[in-house]
Amino acid sequence: MSDILIFNDENFLSQLSSVEYAGGRYKLQFYSENGRPSSVATEVVDTFYFYPSGGTIRDKEYNIIEYFPKYDTYRGFKPPHMMENK
C-alpha cells in the first residue's frame, strides 16, 4: 500500500482530489525534511499549500518553496476544482 504522505506525483494528485480547494489553494500534508516535502518517510509531517494558479507550493508560513510548471494552470494544468461540474 502506498504511503500518501510521501511526496511524489501520484500522492500529490491523489491529495488534490481528496482535499478542499479554498482561498485559492489546496492544503496538503507530506513528510518533511528541512522544511520541504520529502520523497521518503521521515519523522516530521508538515502542512503545505499548493496554489494552482502559479504552480507553487508554499510552506506553513506561506513562503514559496517550489515551482512546478506542469502543475501551473497557466501552462494548462486542470486541478480538480476546475473539472467539477464539467
N, C-alpha and C. Protein backbone atom coordinates (compact mmCIF):
# COMPACT_ATOMS: atom_id res chain seq x y z
N MET A 1 0.83 -1.18 0.00
CA MET A 1 0.00 0.00 0.00
C MET A 1 0.88 1.25 0.00
N SER A 2 0.50 2.23 -0.76
CA SER A 2 1.26 3.47 -0.88
C SER A 2 1.03 4.38 0.33
N ASP A 3 2.08 5.03 0.77
CA ASP A 3 2.00 5.98 1.87
C ASP A 3 1.73 7.36 1.27
N ILE A 4 0.54 7.87 1.45
CA ILE A 4 0.07 9.12 0.84
C ILE A 4 0.89 10.34 1.29
N LEU A 5 1.65 10.20 2.36
CA LEU A 5 2.44 11.33 2.87
C LEU A 5 3.81 11.45 2.21
N ILE A 6 4.19 10.46 1.41
CA ILE A 6 5.44 10.53 0.65
C ILE A 6 5.20 11.43 -0.55
N PHE A 7 6.06 12.41 -0.75
CA PHE A 7 5.88 13.37 -1.83
C PHE A 7 6.34 12.79 -3.16
N ASN A 8 5.36 12.57 -4.03
CA ASN A 8 5.61 12.18 -5.42
C ASN A 8 4.38 12.61 -6.23
N ASP A 9 4.45 12.51 -7.54
CA ASP A 9 3.35 12.97 -8.39
C ASP A 9 2.04 12.27 -8.07
N GLU A 10 2.08 10.96 -7.91
CA GLU A 10 0.87 10.19 -7.64
C GLU A 10 0.19 10.64 -6.34
N ASN A 11 0.96 10.77 -5.27
CA ASN A 11 0.38 11.18 -3.98
C ASN A 11 -0.05 12.64 -3.99
N PHE A 12 0.69 13.47 -4.69
CA PHE A 12 0.32 14.88 -4.83
C PHE A 12 -1.05 15.00 -5.49
N LEU A 13 -1.24 14.32 -6.62
CA LEU A 13 -2.52 14.38 -7.34
C LEU A 13 -3.64 13.72 -6.55
N SER A 14 -3.33 12.65 -5.83
CA SER A 14 -4.32 11.98 -5.00
C SER A 14 -4.82 12.91 -3.89
N GLN A 15 -3.89 13.59 -3.24
CA GLN A 15 -4.31 14.53 -2.20
C GLN A 15 -5.13 15.68 -2.78
N LEU A 16 -4.76 16.18 -3.94
CA LEU A 16 -5.54 17.25 -4.57
C LEU A 16 -6.99 16.83 -4.77
N SER A 17 -7.19 15.57 -5.11
CA SER A 17 -8.54 15.06 -5.37
C SER A 17 -9.35 14.83 -4.11
N SER A 18 -8.67 14.81 -2.96
CA SER A 18 -9.39 14.47 -1.73
C SER A 18 -9.47 15.59 -0.70
N VAL A 19 -8.89 16.75 -1.00
CA VAL A 19 -8.96 17.87 -0.07
C VAL A 19 -9.74 19.03 -0.69
N GLU A 20 -10.18 19.91 0.17
CA GLU A 20 -10.98 21.05 -0.28
C GLU A 20 -10.10 22.14 -0.89
N TYR A 21 -10.62 22.75 -1.94
CA TYR A 21 -9.99 23.92 -2.54
C TYR A 21 -10.65 25.13 -1.92
N ALA A 22 -9.90 25.97 -1.25
CA ALA A 22 -10.46 27.16 -0.59
C ALA A 22 -9.41 28.26 -0.57
N GLY A 23 -9.83 29.47 -0.77
CA GLY A 23 -8.92 30.60 -0.71
C GLY A 23 -7.85 30.58 -1.79
N GLY A 24 -8.14 29.89 -2.90
CA GLY A 24 -7.19 29.83 -3.99
C GLY A 24 -6.10 28.80 -3.81
N ARG A 25 -6.28 27.91 -2.82
CA ARG A 25 -5.21 26.95 -2.54
C ARG A 25 -5.78 25.61 -2.04
N TYR A 26 -4.92 24.61 -2.11
CA TYR A 26 -5.19 23.30 -1.53
C TYR A 26 -4.25 23.13 -0.34
N LYS A 27 -4.76 22.60 0.75
CA LYS A 27 -3.95 22.33 1.94
C LYS A 27 -3.56 20.86 1.91
N LEU A 28 -2.26 20.59 1.82
CA LEU A 28 -1.74 19.23 1.69
C LEU A 28 -0.81 18.91 2.85
N GLN A 29 -0.60 17.63 3.08
CA GLN A 29 0.34 17.20 4.11
C GLN A 29 1.29 16.16 3.53
N PHE A 30 2.57 16.35 3.83
CA PHE A 30 3.61 15.42 3.40
C PHE A 30 4.66 15.29 4.48
N TYR A 31 5.41 14.18 4.40
CA TYR A 31 6.61 14.10 5.22
C TYR A 31 7.48 15.28 4.83
N SER A 32 8.26 15.75 5.79
CA SER A 32 9.06 16.94 5.55
C SER A 32 10.50 16.71 5.97
N GLU A 33 11.40 17.29 5.19
CA GLU A 33 12.81 17.28 5.53
C GLU A 33 13.37 18.66 5.22
N ASN A 34 13.91 19.30 6.21
CA ASN A 34 14.43 20.67 6.06
C ASN A 34 13.36 21.63 5.55
N GLY A 35 12.12 21.42 5.98
CA GLY A 35 11.03 22.31 5.60
C GLY A 35 10.48 22.13 4.21
N ARG A 36 10.88 21.08 3.53
CA ARG A 36 10.42 20.81 2.16
C ARG A 36 9.76 19.42 2.12
N PRO A 37 8.81 19.24 1.22
CA PRO A 37 8.20 17.91 1.08
C PRO A 37 9.26 16.86 0.76
N SER A 38 9.13 15.70 1.40
CA SER A 38 10.14 14.65 1.27
C SER A 38 9.62 13.46 0.46
N SER A 39 10.48 12.92 -0.37
CA SER A 39 10.13 11.74 -1.17
C SER A 39 10.40 10.44 -0.42
N VAL A 40 10.78 10.55 0.85
CA VAL A 40 10.95 9.39 1.72
C VAL A 40 10.26 9.68 3.05
N ALA A 41 9.88 8.63 3.75
CA ALA A 41 9.23 8.81 5.05
C ALA A 41 10.23 9.39 6.05
N THR A 42 9.77 10.38 6.80
CA THR A 42 10.57 10.98 7.86
C THR A 42 9.73 11.00 9.13
N GLU A 43 10.28 11.49 10.20
CA GLU A 43 9.53 11.58 11.45
C GLU A 43 8.64 12.82 11.52
N VAL A 44 8.82 13.73 10.55
CA VAL A 44 8.10 15.00 10.56
C VAL A 44 7.08 15.04 9.42
N VAL A 45 5.83 15.41 9.75
CA VAL A 45 4.80 15.65 8.75
C VAL A 45 4.42 17.12 8.86
N ASP A 46 4.48 17.83 7.73
CA ASP A 46 4.15 19.25 7.71
C ASP A 46 2.99 19.53 6.77
N THR A 47 2.40 20.69 6.96
CA THR A 47 1.35 21.18 6.08
C THR A 47 1.98 22.07 5.02
N PHE A 48 1.52 21.89 3.79
CA PHE A 48 1.97 22.69 2.66
C PHE A 48 0.74 23.19 1.92
N TYR A 49 0.89 24.28 1.20
CA TYR A 49 -0.21 24.86 0.45
C TYR A 49 0.16 24.92 -1.02
N PHE A 50 -0.72 24.36 -1.84
CA PHE A 50 -0.50 24.37 -3.29
C PHE A 50 -1.43 25.39 -3.93
N TYR A 51 -0.84 26.30 -4.68
CA TYR A 51 -1.58 27.33 -5.42
C TYR A 51 -1.50 26.98 -6.90
N PRO A 52 -2.59 26.43 -7.48
CA PRO A 52 -2.54 26.02 -8.87
C PRO A 52 -2.37 27.18 -9.86
N SER A 53 -2.87 28.36 -9.52
CA SER A 53 -2.69 29.50 -10.42
C SER A 53 -1.31 30.08 -10.21
N GLY A 54 -0.36 29.33 -10.62
CA GLY A 54 1.04 29.70 -10.44
C GLY A 54 1.91 28.48 -10.24
N GLY A 55 1.29 27.34 -9.91
CA GLY A 55 2.02 26.09 -9.76
C GLY A 55 3.02 26.10 -8.62
N THR A 56 2.70 26.81 -7.54
CA THR A 56 3.66 26.91 -6.44
C THR A 56 3.19 26.16 -5.20
N ILE A 57 4.16 25.64 -4.49
CA ILE A 57 3.91 25.04 -3.18
C ILE A 57 4.56 25.97 -2.15
N ARG A 58 3.79 26.26 -1.11
CA ARG A 58 4.27 27.12 -0.04
C ARG A 58 4.31 26.33 1.26
N ASP A 59 5.20 26.73 2.14
CA ASP A 59 5.29 26.07 3.44
C ASP A 59 4.23 26.62 4.38
N LYS A 60 4.24 26.16 5.63
CA LYS A 60 3.20 26.56 6.59
C LYS A 60 3.24 28.04 6.90
N GLU A 61 4.33 28.72 6.58
CA GLU A 61 4.43 30.16 6.77
C GLU A 61 4.18 30.92 5.46
N TYR A 62 3.73 30.19 4.45
CA TYR A 62 3.37 30.72 3.14
C TYR A 62 4.55 31.20 2.30
N ASN A 63 5.75 30.74 2.63
CA ASN A 63 6.91 31.03 1.79
C ASN A 63 6.90 30.09 0.59
N ILE A 64 7.14 30.61 -0.60
CA ILE A 64 7.22 29.74 -1.78
C ILE A 64 8.47 28.87 -1.65
N ILE A 65 8.26 27.55 -1.76
CA ILE A 65 9.41 26.65 -1.65
C ILE A 65 9.65 25.86 -2.93
N GLU A 66 8.66 25.85 -3.83
CA GLU A 66 8.83 25.07 -5.07
C GLU A 66 7.87 25.57 -6.14
N TYR A 67 8.34 25.54 -7.37
CA TYR A 67 7.51 25.85 -8.53
C TYR A 67 7.46 24.63 -9.42
N PHE A 68 6.25 24.21 -9.80
CA PHE A 68 6.06 23.06 -10.67
C PHE A 68 5.35 23.50 -11.94
N PRO A 69 6.07 23.74 -13.01
CA PRO A 69 5.44 24.19 -14.25
C PRO A 69 4.33 23.26 -14.74
N LYS A 70 4.50 21.95 -14.55
CA LYS A 70 3.48 21.02 -15.06
C LYS A 70 2.19 21.09 -14.24
N TYR A 71 2.22 21.70 -13.06
CA TYR A 71 1.01 21.85 -12.24
C TYR A 71 0.56 23.31 -12.16
N ASP A 72 0.92 24.09 -13.15
CA ASP A 72 0.56 25.51 -13.23
C ASP A 72 -0.64 25.64 -14.17
N THR A 73 -1.73 26.23 -13.68
CA THR A 73 -2.92 26.37 -14.54
C THR A 73 -2.64 27.24 -15.76
N TYR A 74 -1.69 28.14 -15.66
CA TYR A 74 -1.34 28.99 -16.80
C TYR A 74 -0.59 28.21 -17.87
N ARG A 75 -0.16 27.01 -17.55
CA ARG A 75 0.50 26.15 -18.52
C ARG A 75 -0.38 24.96 -18.91
N GLY A 76 -1.67 25.03 -18.53
CA GLY A 76 -2.62 24.02 -18.98
C GLY A 76 -3.07 23.00 -17.96
N PHE A 77 -2.52 23.02 -16.76
CA PHE A 77 -2.94 22.06 -15.74
C PHE A 77 -4.37 22.34 -15.30
N LYS A 78 -5.17 21.29 -15.16
CA LYS A 78 -6.56 21.41 -14.70
C LYS A 78 -6.69 20.70 -13.36
N PRO A 79 -6.65 21.46 -12.26
CA PRO A 79 -6.82 20.86 -10.94
C PRO A 79 -8.27 20.41 -10.73
N PRO A 80 -8.51 19.56 -9.73
CA PRO A 80 -9.86 19.01 -9.52
C PRO A 80 -10.98 20.05 -9.42
N HIS A 81 -10.75 21.18 -8.77
CA HIS A 81 -11.82 22.18 -8.63
C HIS A 81 -12.24 22.78 -9.96
N MET A 82 -11.37 22.74 -10.96
CA MET A 82 -11.70 23.28 -12.28
C MET A 82 -12.40 22.25 -13.15
N MET A 83 -12.41 21.00 -12.72
CA MET A 83 -13.01 19.94 -13.51
C MET A 83 -14.38 19.55 -12.98
N GLU A 84 -14.77 20.03 -11.80
CA GLU A 84 -16.07 19.70 -11.23
C GLU A 84 -17.18 20.34 -12.06
N ASN A 85 -18.28 19.62 -12.17
CA ASN A 85 -19.46 20.09 -12.89
C ASN A 85 -19.17 20.41 -14.35
N LYS A 86 -18.26 19.69 -14.97
CA LYS A 86 -17.97 19.93 -16.38
C LYS A 86 -18.01 18.65 -17.15
